[in-house]
């Protein structure tokens, strides 16, 4: 990268070098951090890989101001890419960021192929009938209608982060965290609220059907219908889009099924025009 970024970046270069192959850049989702890809990266140790904490999260918590729009996260990703030949893999909200960067920059940004695993798209399908912000989630199923006519209620970001974690991962998983780990997640609350508010929109922030690089869309066999339907729509409407389903997985496939997730990444590198070995 040409200029130092205020983001925490972890990069792995194979001991025998990366050759002419692109760097694989992994972009995490909401209330997550780059290190959640550790199990996947271990299975890609022959490839040049990079993951980072998005602005406001974990090691990048001091990178201010927080992004108030999806465009801000796209700007950060393009700065991380820095024009290098790359395959970008986004999980959940990171998938939105990856797709937005691919649409905006395309081949000119260095991106050769993109993977989006269950990107949230409130402007599509079942997402349109679901609460779309932390404030709306607190309000329950009527939250979406209420946010059209009432100002958003004040939100405690720390409490909202805990609720989000419990809803996405489960109460048992939260209870297993140490107190310090719980505090770390609560500290990510402001970034969480900012980015969920940023996709509280009814108009698509980019035209994903204009994508002109190979795109892979992943979903879990056991994922929620809204995730599965969104991925199906993307695979159908994006030219050359390819659907990959991970057997037995749900939304957190990079954690629970790292072998299959790594295999999906390798396939995306092949789709970019490079030969790679199998997962190690």
Protein backbone atom coordinates (compact mmCIF):
# COMPACT_ATOMS: atom_id res chain seq x y z
CA UNK A 1 0.00 0.00 0.00
CA UNK A 2 1.42 3.37 -0.98
CA UNK A 3 0.33 5.34 2.08
CA UNK A 4 -0.14 4.10 5.64
CA UNK A 5 -3.81 3.48 6.44
CA UNK A 6 -5.37 3.95 9.88
CA UNK A 7 -6.63 0.37 9.67
CA UNK A 8 -5.30 -2.78 11.33
CA UNK A 9 -4.11 -5.00 8.47
CA UNK A 10 -2.80 -8.57 8.68
CA UNK A 11 -1.01 -9.87 5.60
CA UNK A 12 0.44 -13.28 4.77
CA UNK A 13 2.90 -13.83 1.93
CA UNK A 14 3.86 -17.47 1.18
CA UNK A 15 7.43 -18.39 2.01
CA UNK A 16 8.10 -19.16 -1.64
CA UNK A 17 6.48 -15.91 -2.74
CA UNK A 18 3.15 -15.25 -4.38
CA UNK A 19 4.44 -15.41 -7.94
CA UNK A 20 2.10 -13.66 -10.32
CA UNK A 21 -1.03 -14.61 -8.40
CA UNK A 22 -3.30 -11.92 -6.95
CA UNK A 23 -3.63 -11.01 -3.30
CA UNK A 24 -6.77 -12.44 -1.69
CA UNK A 25 -8.39 -9.73 0.45
CA UNK A 26 -11.01 -10.80 3.00
CA UNK A 27 -13.55 -8.30 4.31
CA UNK A 28 -15.47 -9.05 7.50
CA UNK A 29 -19.09 -8.43 8.37
CA UNK A 30 -20.92 -6.48 11.07
CA UNK A 31 -19.74 -6.78 14.68
CA UNK A 32 -16.85 -8.93 13.51
CA UNK A 33 -13.15 -8.47 12.87
CA UNK A 34 -10.57 -9.58 10.34
CA UNK A 35 -9.22 -12.33 12.57
CA UNK A 36 -12.48 -14.24 12.16
CA UNK A 37 -10.97 -15.41 8.85
CA UNK A 38 -7.98 -17.02 10.59
CA UNK A 39 -9.23 -20.58 10.06
CA UNK A 40 -9.83 -19.87 6.39
CA UNK A 41 -6.45 -18.21 5.88
CA UNK A 42 -4.66 -21.20 7.42
CA UNK A 43 -6.11 -23.25 4.59
CA UNK A 44 -4.84 -20.74 2.03
CA UNK A 45 -1.24 -20.62 3.22
CA UNK A 46 0.10 -21.04 -0.32
CA UNK A 47 -1.69 -17.82 -1.36
CA UNK A 48 -0.97 -14.17 -0.64
CA UNK A 49 -3.78 -13.19 1.76
CA UNK A 50 -4.79 -10.08 3.63
CA UNK A 51 -7.54 -9.26 6.09
CA UNK A 52 -8.20 -6.07 8.02
CA UNK A 53 -10.42 -4.67 10.73
CA UNK A 54 -12.89 -2.34 9.10
CA UNK A 55 -13.09 1.23 10.34
CA UNK A 56 -14.46 1.39 13.89
CA UNK A 57 -13.86 -2.28 14.72
CA UNK A 58 -11.32 -3.92 17.01
CA UNK A 59 -7.83 -2.83 15.90
CA UNK A 60 -9.27 -0.06 13.72
CA UNK A 61 -11.48 1.37 16.45
CA UNK A 62 -9.44 4.57 16.57
CA UNK A 63 -9.79 5.13 12.82
CA UNK A 64 -12.15 8.09 12.91
CA UNK A 65 -14.49 9.43 11.78
CA UNK A 66 -16.70 6.37 11.45
CA UNK A 67 -18.08 5.74 8.00
CA UNK A 68 -21.60 7.10 7.72
CA UNK A 69 -22.21 5.47 4.35
CA UNK A 70 -21.39 2.30 2.49
CA UNK A 71 -19.27 4.45 0.18
CA UNK A 72 -16.90 5.15 3.07
CA UNK A 73 -16.25 1.44 3.56
CA UNK A 74 -15.77 1.06 -0.19
CA UNK A 75 -13.21 3.88 -0.11
CA UNK A 76 -11.31 2.06 2.65
CA UNK A 77 -11.32 -1.22 0.73
CA UNK A 78 -10.07 0.43 -2.45
CA UNK A 79 -7.28 2.03 -0.42
CA UNK A 80 -6.34 -1.40 0.95
CA UNK A 81 -6.34 -2.86 -2.57
CA UNK A 82 -4.20 0.07 -3.75
CA UNK A 83 -4.48 -1.00 -7.37
CA UNK A 84 -2.96 -4.43 -6.79
CA UNK A 85 -4.31 -7.43 -8.72
CA UNK A 86 -6.73 -8.90 -6.20
CA UNK A 87 -9.54 -11.30 -5.47
CA UNK A 88 -11.84 -9.77 -2.85
CA UNK A 89 -13.94 -11.96 -0.57
CA UNK A 90 -16.62 -10.34 1.58
CA UNK A 91 -18.65 -12.00 4.32
CA UNK A 92 -22.08 -10.54 5.15
CA UNK A 93 -21.78 -6.72 5.27
CA UNK A 94 -18.27 -7.18 3.92
CA UNK A 95 -19.94 -8.66 0.85
CA UNK A 96 -21.79 -5.39 0.30
CA UNK A 97 -18.48 -3.55 0.57
CA UNK A 98 -16.77 -5.94 -1.85
CA UNK A 99 -19.56 -5.74 -4.43
CA UNK A 100 -19.73 -1.96 -4.17
CA UNK A 101 -15.99 -1.70 -4.78
CA UNK A 102 -16.21 -4.10 -7.71
CA UNK A 103 -18.99 -2.07 -9.32
CA UNK A 104 -17.28 1.25 -8.73
CA UNK A 105 -13.72 0.30 -9.60
CA UNK A 106 -14.04 -2.91 -11.57
CA UNK A 107 -10.84 -3.95 -13.28
CA UNK A 108 -9.45 -0.43 -12.94
CA UNK A 109 -9.21 -0.94 -9.16
CA UNK A 110 -7.16 -4.10 -9.54
CA UNK A 111 -10.07 -6.38 -8.65
CA UNK A 112 -10.08 -9.47 -10.86
CA UNK A 113 -12.79 -11.50 -9.12
CA UNK A 114 -15.19 -11.01 -6.22
CA UNK A 115 -16.91 -13.29 -3.71
CA UNK A 116 -19.89 -12.20 -1.60
CA UNK A 117 -21.15 -14.61 1.06
CA UNK A 118 -24.71 -13.75 2.08
CA UNK A 119 -24.48 -9.96 1.70
CA UNK A 120 -27.40 -8.15 3.39
CA UNK A 121 -29.43 -6.23 0.82
CA UNK A 122 -32.48 -4.63 2.44
CA UNK A 123 -33.65 -3.40 -0.95
CA UNK A 124 -34.19 -6.98 -2.16
CA UNK A 125 -36.65 -9.77 -1.41
CA UNK A 126 -37.41 -10.75 2.16
CA UNK A 127 -35.09 -8.06 3.51
CA UNK A 128 -37.80 -5.55 2.57
CA UNK A 129 -40.08 -7.12 5.18
CA UNK A 130 -37.49 -7.22 7.98
CA UNK A 131 -36.34 -4.60 10.53
CA UNK A 132 -33.29 -2.94 9.02
CA UNK A 133 -31.53 -0.98 11.75
CA UNK A 134 -30.59 -1.49 15.37
CA UNK A 135 -33.40 0.89 16.37
CA UNK A 136 -35.89 -1.00 14.21
CA UNK A 137 -34.74 -4.35 15.58
CA UNK A 138 -35.38 -3.06 19.07
CA UNK A 139 -38.90 -2.10 17.99
CA UNK A 140 -39.69 -5.61 16.73
CA UNK A 141 -41.37 -6.61 13.48
CA UNK A 142 -43.15 -3.29 13.20
CA UNK A 143 -39.90 -1.38 13.30
CA UNK A 144 -39.62 -0.91 9.56
CA UNK A 145 -43.00 0.77 9.26
CA UNK A 146 -42.40 2.87 12.35
CA UNK A 147 -39.10 4.27 11.09
CA UNK A 148 -40.91 5.85 8.14
CA UNK A 149 -43.04 8.09 10.30
CA UNK A 150 -41.25 8.44 13.63
CA UNK A 151 -37.77 9.72 14.47
CA UNK A 152 -35.41 6.95 15.54
CA UNK A 153 -35.27 6.39 19.28
CA UNK A 154 -31.92 6.99 20.98
CA UNK A 155 -29.82 3.87 20.87
CA UNK A 156 -27.24 2.74 23.40
CA UNK A 157 -24.56 1.39 21.02
CA UNK A 158 -23.04 -0.95 23.61
CA UNK A 159 -26.40 -2.51 24.48
CA UNK A 160 -27.33 -2.68 20.81
CA UNK A 161 -24.09 -4.53 20.03
CA UNK A 162 -24.86 -7.11 22.71
CA UNK A 163 -28.39 -7.59 21.35
CA UNK A 164 -27.07 -7.95 17.82
CA UNK A 165 -24.52 -10.58 18.89
CA UNK A 166 -27.14 -12.54 20.82
CA UNK A 167 -29.53 -12.44 17.87
CA UNK A 168 -26.94 -13.45 15.27
CA UNK A 169 -24.80 -15.92 17.22
CA UNK A 170 -26.97 -16.88 20.18
CA UNK A 171 -27.29 -16.31 23.91
CA UNK A 172 -25.11 -19.31 24.73
CA UNK A 173 -22.25 -17.96 22.61
CA UNK A 174 -22.49 -14.58 24.33
CA UNK A 175 -22.51 -16.18 27.77
CA UNK A 176 -19.35 -18.13 26.90
CA UNK A 177 -17.41 -14.93 26.20
CA UNK A 178 -15.11 -13.57 28.89
CA UNK A 179 -16.03 -10.22 30.38
CA UNK A 180 -13.19 -8.56 28.47
CA UNK A 181 -14.41 -10.10 25.21
CA UNK A 182 -17.92 -8.86 25.93
CA UNK A 183 -16.52 -5.38 26.54
CA UNK A 184 -14.67 -5.56 23.20
CA UNK A 185 -17.88 -6.38 21.36
CA UNK A 186 -19.78 -3.61 23.15
CA UNK A 187 -17.03 -1.17 22.17
CA UNK A 188 -17.78 -1.97 18.52
CA UNK A 189 -21.35 -0.73 19.00
CA UNK A 190 -20.87 2.73 17.44
CA UNK A 191 -19.42 1.22 14.24
CA UNK A 192 -22.25 -1.32 14.14
CA UNK A 193 -24.97 1.29 14.49
CA UNK A 194 -23.34 3.56 11.89
CA UNK A 195 -23.08 0.86 9.25
CA UNK A 196 -26.53 -0.61 9.80
CA UNK A 197 -27.99 2.88 9.50
CA UNK A 198 -26.00 3.32 6.28
CA UNK A 199 -27.97 0.57 4.54
CA UNK A 200 -31.36 1.73 5.84
CA UNK A 201 -32.32 2.54 2.28
CA UNK A 202 -34.89 1.47 -0.26
CA UNK A 203 -32.86 2.37 -3.36
CA UNK A 204 -29.90 0.16 -4.22
CA UNK A 205 -26.60 1.98 -3.49
CA UNK A 206 -25.05 0.47 -6.63
CA UNK A 207 -26.20 -1.47 -9.68
CA UNK A 208 -24.83 -4.92 -9.01
CA UNK A 209 -26.11 -6.14 -12.38
CA UNK A 210 -23.50 -3.90 -14.04
CA UNK A 211 -20.70 -6.01 -12.56
CA UNK A 212 -18.19 -7.04 -15.22
CA UNK A 213 -15.71 -9.19 -13.32
CA UNK A 214 -16.29 -12.84 -12.29
CA UNK A 215 -18.59 -12.92 -9.27
CA UNK A 216 -19.23 -15.78 -6.87
CA UNK A 217 -22.16 -15.69 -4.46
CA UNK A 218 -22.07 -18.00 -1.46
CA UNK A 219 -24.75 -19.16 0.93
CA UNK A 220 -25.22 -21.78 3.61
CA UNK A 221 -27.55 -24.74 3.27
CA UNK A 222 -29.05 -23.87 6.66
CA UNK A 223 -29.07 -20.10 6.36
CA UNK A 224 -32.12 -17.91 6.84
CA UNK A 225 -34.45 -17.65 3.82
CA UNK A 226 -33.68 -13.95 3.31
CA UNK A 227 -29.96 -14.74 2.93
CA UNK A 228 -30.58 -17.67 0.63
CA UNK A 229 -33.07 -15.75 -1.52
CA UNK A 230 -30.73 -12.78 -1.87
CA UNK A 231 -27.88 -14.99 -3.05
CA UNK A 232 -30.18 -16.75 -5.51
CA UNK A 233 -31.28 -13.37 -6.91
CA UNK A 234 -27.68 -12.25 -7.29
CA UNK A 235 -26.61 -15.43 -9.05
CA UNK A 236 -29.55 -15.09 -11.45
CA UNK A 237 -29.21 -11.37 -12.25
CA UNK A 238 -25.46 -10.70 -12.25
CA UNK A 239 -23.89 -11.61 -15.60
CA UNK A 240 -21.75 -14.70 -15.13
CA UNK A 241 -22.68 -14.95 -11.44
CA UNK A 242 -21.94 -18.31 -9.86
CA UNK A 243 -23.77 -19.70 -6.82
CA UNK A 244 -21.91 -21.79 -4.26
CA UNK A 245 -23.82 -23.48 -1.45
CA UNK A 246 -21.93 -24.77 1.58
CA UNK A 247 -23.52 -27.95 2.88
CA UNK A 248 -24.55 -27.87 6.53
CA UNK A 249 -23.51 -24.24 6.99
CA UNK A 250 -25.41 -21.16 8.02
CA UNK A 251 -24.37 -17.50 8.09
CA UNK A 252 -21.06 -18.01 9.90
CA UNK A 253 -19.60 -20.49 7.42
CA UNK A 254 -16.10 -18.98 7.58
CA UNK A 255 -16.00 -20.04 11.24
CA UNK A 256 -17.84 -23.35 11.15
CA UNK A 257 -16.89 -24.64 7.68
CA UNK A 258 -13.47 -23.14 6.91
CA UNK A 259 -12.49 -25.93 4.49
CA UNK A 260 -15.51 -25.32 2.26
CA UNK A 261 -15.13 -21.55 2.57
CA UNK A 262 -11.47 -21.78 1.56
CA UNK A 263 -12.42 -23.97 -1.39
CA UNK A 264 -14.87 -21.27 -2.52
CA UNK A 265 -12.05 -18.71 -2.31
CA UNK A 266 -9.73 -20.90 -4.38
CA UNK A 267 -12.41 -21.27 -7.03
CA UNK A 268 -12.67 -17.48 -7.22
CA UNK A 269 -8.92 -17.23 -7.79
CA UNK A 270 -9.24 -19.77 -10.61
CA UNK A 271 -12.10 -17.72 -12.06
CA UNK A 272 -9.72 -14.76 -12.09
CA UNK A 273 -7.48 -16.74 -14.42
CA UNK A 274 -4.92 -18.29 -12.07
CA UNK A 275 -4.10 -21.87 -11.16
CA UNK A 276 -4.04 -22.85 -7.51
CA UNK A 277 -3.65 -26.04 -5.53
CA UNK A 278 -6.26 -27.62 -3.30
CA UNK A 279 -6.79 -26.59 0.33
CA UNK A 280 -3.94 -27.62 2.60
